[in-house]
Structure formats: C-alpha cells, structure tokens
Amino acid sequence: MSLIATQAHTHPMSLATIQSCFGDLYSVFGIMDDQLCGFAILHQIFEDATLMDICVCPSQQGRGFGRRLLEAVISRARSASGETLFLEVRASSIAARALYSQYGFVGAGCRKGYYRTAEGVEDAILMELNLL
C-alpha cells in the first residue's frame, strides 16, 4: 500500500500512518488485478465516517478502480449505520472532485494550505455525503 501511495501522491501518508489504520475503527479495502492496484481506508466512529485515503496506482487509473473502491467505502459506511461520510480532496484534483460529486458528495468547506506540494501548499476541499 505504501508503494502505491508513494506513486500516486506527491506527499503520501507515512508507512506508520498507514499501518495505524489497521484497527477496530477502520476498514481497509483493496482492489486486485494480479496484484494490488489500489486501496481505500475508511475511519468510522458511530454515525460519522471519514474516507482517510483512496489511492489507485497511476498505471491502473482510468479502469474504474477508484469508483469501485468508493462504492465499497460508501456501502460499508452505510451498513455500519453511518449517517455522514466526510472526505478532504486537493482543490486541484478535478477528476477526484468530479467522481465524488457524481456520488452525491457536496462541498462543505475549505482547509486553507492543508496539503503540501512541491511549490508550497494547496487547499483541501471538504466534502460530505448524507448516507441516510
């Protein structure tokens, strides 16, 4: 997972952070095609769920893997009595924002300078999905 995150993100979660997501409050999803091609991490406490990361290996993008991972995350959050699914996405990530919008996510705010970039920082768009 760490290798995929490093390939897909300019500033990925650390290996220690990824490893910490294998616990009672998390659900981790993987998508395989001979090997691991992508993953998603869901954190849920009671009715609030957060998509911590969704990541597809760059060479495998465009094959619908991100969509399938997102559907699995939404399904799991609903089946665990989730009411709202939250996420943060880079403001520049137009494709990801469009995908989330297709599934009913709406903008809920902005975190100024949240993500590091090679040039400095970038805003995060907060999005949420009503699961009820």
Protein backbone atom coordinates (compact mmCIF):
# COMPACT_ATOMS: atom_id res chain seq x y z
CA MET A 1 0.00 0.00 0.00
CA SER A 2 2.79 2.38 0.84
CA LEU A 3 4.35 1.90 -2.61
CA ILE A 4 1.05 2.70 -4.36
CA ALA A 5 0.57 5.78 -2.17
CA THR A 6 4.09 6.95 -3.00
CA GLN A 7 3.46 6.51 -6.72
CA ALA A 8 0.06 8.20 -6.67
CA HIS A 9 0.54 11.04 -4.16
CA THR A 10 3.22 13.71 -4.09
CA HIS A 11 3.08 13.68 -0.27
CA PRO A 12 1.60 10.32 0.78
CA MET A 13 0.73 9.14 4.27
CA SER A 14 3.71 7.64 6.01
CA LEU A 15 4.04 3.89 6.36
CA ALA A 16 3.47 4.26 10.10
CA THR A 17 0.23 6.16 9.48
CA ILE A 18 -0.98 3.54 7.00
CA GLN A 19 -0.12 0.77 9.47
CA SER A 20 -2.07 2.56 12.20
CA CYS A 21 -5.21 2.28 10.04
CA PHE A 22 -5.47 -1.46 10.65
CA GLY A 23 -7.56 -1.28 13.81
CA ASP A 24 -11.08 -1.56 15.17
CA LEU A 25 -12.31 1.81 13.91
CA TYR A 26 -11.01 1.34 10.37
CA SER A 27 -11.98 -0.62 7.28
CA VAL A 28 -9.33 -1.12 4.62
CA PHE A 29 -10.26 -2.06 1.06
CA GLY A 30 -8.02 -3.29 -1.71
CA ILE A 31 -8.55 -3.87 -5.40
CA MET A 32 -6.59 -6.57 -7.16
CA ASP A 33 -5.70 -7.34 -10.77
CA ASP A 34 -2.90 -9.90 -10.41
CA GLN A 35 -1.50 -7.56 -7.75
CA LEU A 36 -2.75 -4.79 -5.50
CA CYS A 37 -3.77 -1.89 -7.77
CA GLY A 38 -5.44 0.40 -5.27
CA PHE A 39 -6.80 0.80 -1.78
CA ALA A 40 -9.14 2.88 0.35
CA ILE A 41 -9.20 3.49 4.09
CA LEU A 42 -12.42 4.28 5.97
CA HIS A 43 -12.46 5.50 9.56
CA GLN A 44 -15.81 5.38 11.35
CA ILE A 45 -16.89 6.38 14.83
CA PHE A 46 -20.61 5.87 15.38
CA GLU A 47 -22.53 7.79 12.71
CA ASP A 48 -19.56 9.78 11.37
CA ALA A 49 -17.37 8.16 8.73
CA THR A 50 -14.29 9.60 7.05
CA LEU A 51 -12.61 8.47 3.86
CA MET A 52 -8.99 8.76 5.00
CA ASP A 53 -7.42 7.87 1.65
CA ILE A 54 -8.32 6.40 -1.68
CA CYS A 55 -5.48 5.62 -3.99
CA VAL A 56 -5.02 3.84 -7.32
CA CYS A 57 -1.65 3.08 -8.85
CA PRO A 58 -1.10 5.61 -11.67
CA SER A 59 -0.60 2.85 -14.26
CA GLN A 60 -4.01 1.43 -13.33
CA GLN A 61 -6.00 4.66 -13.24
CA GLY A 62 -8.86 5.07 -15.69
CA ARG A 63 -10.05 1.47 -15.27
CA GLY A 64 -12.85 2.20 -12.78
CA PHE A 65 -10.91 1.02 -9.74
CA GLY A 66 -11.37 4.30 -7.86
CA ARG A 67 -15.10 4.15 -8.49
CA ARG A 68 -15.30 0.57 -7.20
CA LEU A 69 -13.31 1.45 -4.09
CA LEU A 70 -15.53 4.46 -3.42
CA GLU A 71 -18.66 2.31 -3.79
CA ALA A 72 -17.24 -0.19 -1.29
CA VAL A 73 -16.48 2.60 1.19
CA ILE A 74 -19.97 4.08 0.88
CA SER A 75 -21.56 0.65 1.26
CA ARG A 76 -19.52 -0.18 4.37
CA ALA A 77 -20.24 3.18 6.00
CA ARG A 78 -23.99 2.73 5.39
CA SER A 79 -24.01 -0.87 6.65
CA ALA A 80 -22.26 0.31 9.83
CA SER A 81 -25.08 2.82 10.47
CA GLY A 82 -23.13 5.78 9.16
CA GLU A 83 -25.09 8.98 8.64
CA THR A 84 -22.45 11.19 7.03
CA LEU A 85 -19.31 10.33 5.08
CA PHE A 86 -16.65 13.04 5.04
CA LEU A 87 -13.51 13.49 2.96
CA GLU A 88 -10.89 16.04 2.04
CA VAL A 89 -9.64 16.38 -1.52
CA ARG A 90 -7.00 18.56 -3.12
CA ALA A 91 -8.53 21.62 -4.74
CA SER A 92 -6.55 20.82 -7.91
CA SER A 93 -7.83 17.23 -8.11
CA ILE A 94 -10.60 17.92 -10.63
CA ALA A 95 -11.12 14.24 -11.57
CA ALA A 96 -11.50 13.15 -7.93
CA ARG A 97 -13.84 16.03 -7.13
CA ALA A 98 -15.98 15.13 -10.17
CA LEU A 99 -16.14 11.48 -9.08
CA TYR A 100 -17.19 12.43 -5.57
CA SER A 101 -19.84 14.80 -6.94
CA GLN A 102 -21.25 12.01 -9.12
CA TYR A 103 -21.87 10.03 -5.93
CA GLY A 104 -23.64 12.92 -4.22
CA PHE A 105 -20.84 14.46 -2.19
CA VAL A 106 -21.20 18.21 -1.73
CA GLY A 107 -18.73 20.87 -0.72
CA ALA A 108 -18.74 21.58 3.00
CA GLY A 109 -15.81 23.96 3.41
CA CYS A 110 -12.16 24.53 2.74
CA ARG A 111 -8.95 23.97 4.68
CA LYS A 112 -6.51 26.64 3.55
CA GLY A 113 -2.97 25.38 2.89
CA TYR A 114 -3.82 21.85 4.08
CA TYR A 115 -1.80 19.80 1.58
CA ARG A 116 1.91 20.15 0.95
CA THR A 117 3.05 20.46 -2.64
CA ALA A 118 6.38 20.84 -4.41
CA GLU A 119 5.59 24.57 -4.70
CA GLY A 120 4.35 25.04 -1.14
CA VAL A 121 0.80 24.28 -0.04
CA GLU A 122 -2.62 23.68 -1.53
CA ASP A 123 -6.13 23.99 -0.15
CA ALA A 124 -8.27 20.98 0.71
CA ILE A 125 -11.93 20.97 -0.23
CA LEU A 126 -14.07 19.37 2.46
CA MET A 127 -16.88 17.24 1.06
CA GLU A 128 -19.64 15.26 2.69
CA LEU A 129 -22.22 12.69 1.68
CA ASN A 130 -25.51 12.19 3.52
CA LEU A 131 -25.83 8.40 3.89
CA LEU A 132 -29.44 8.35 5.08
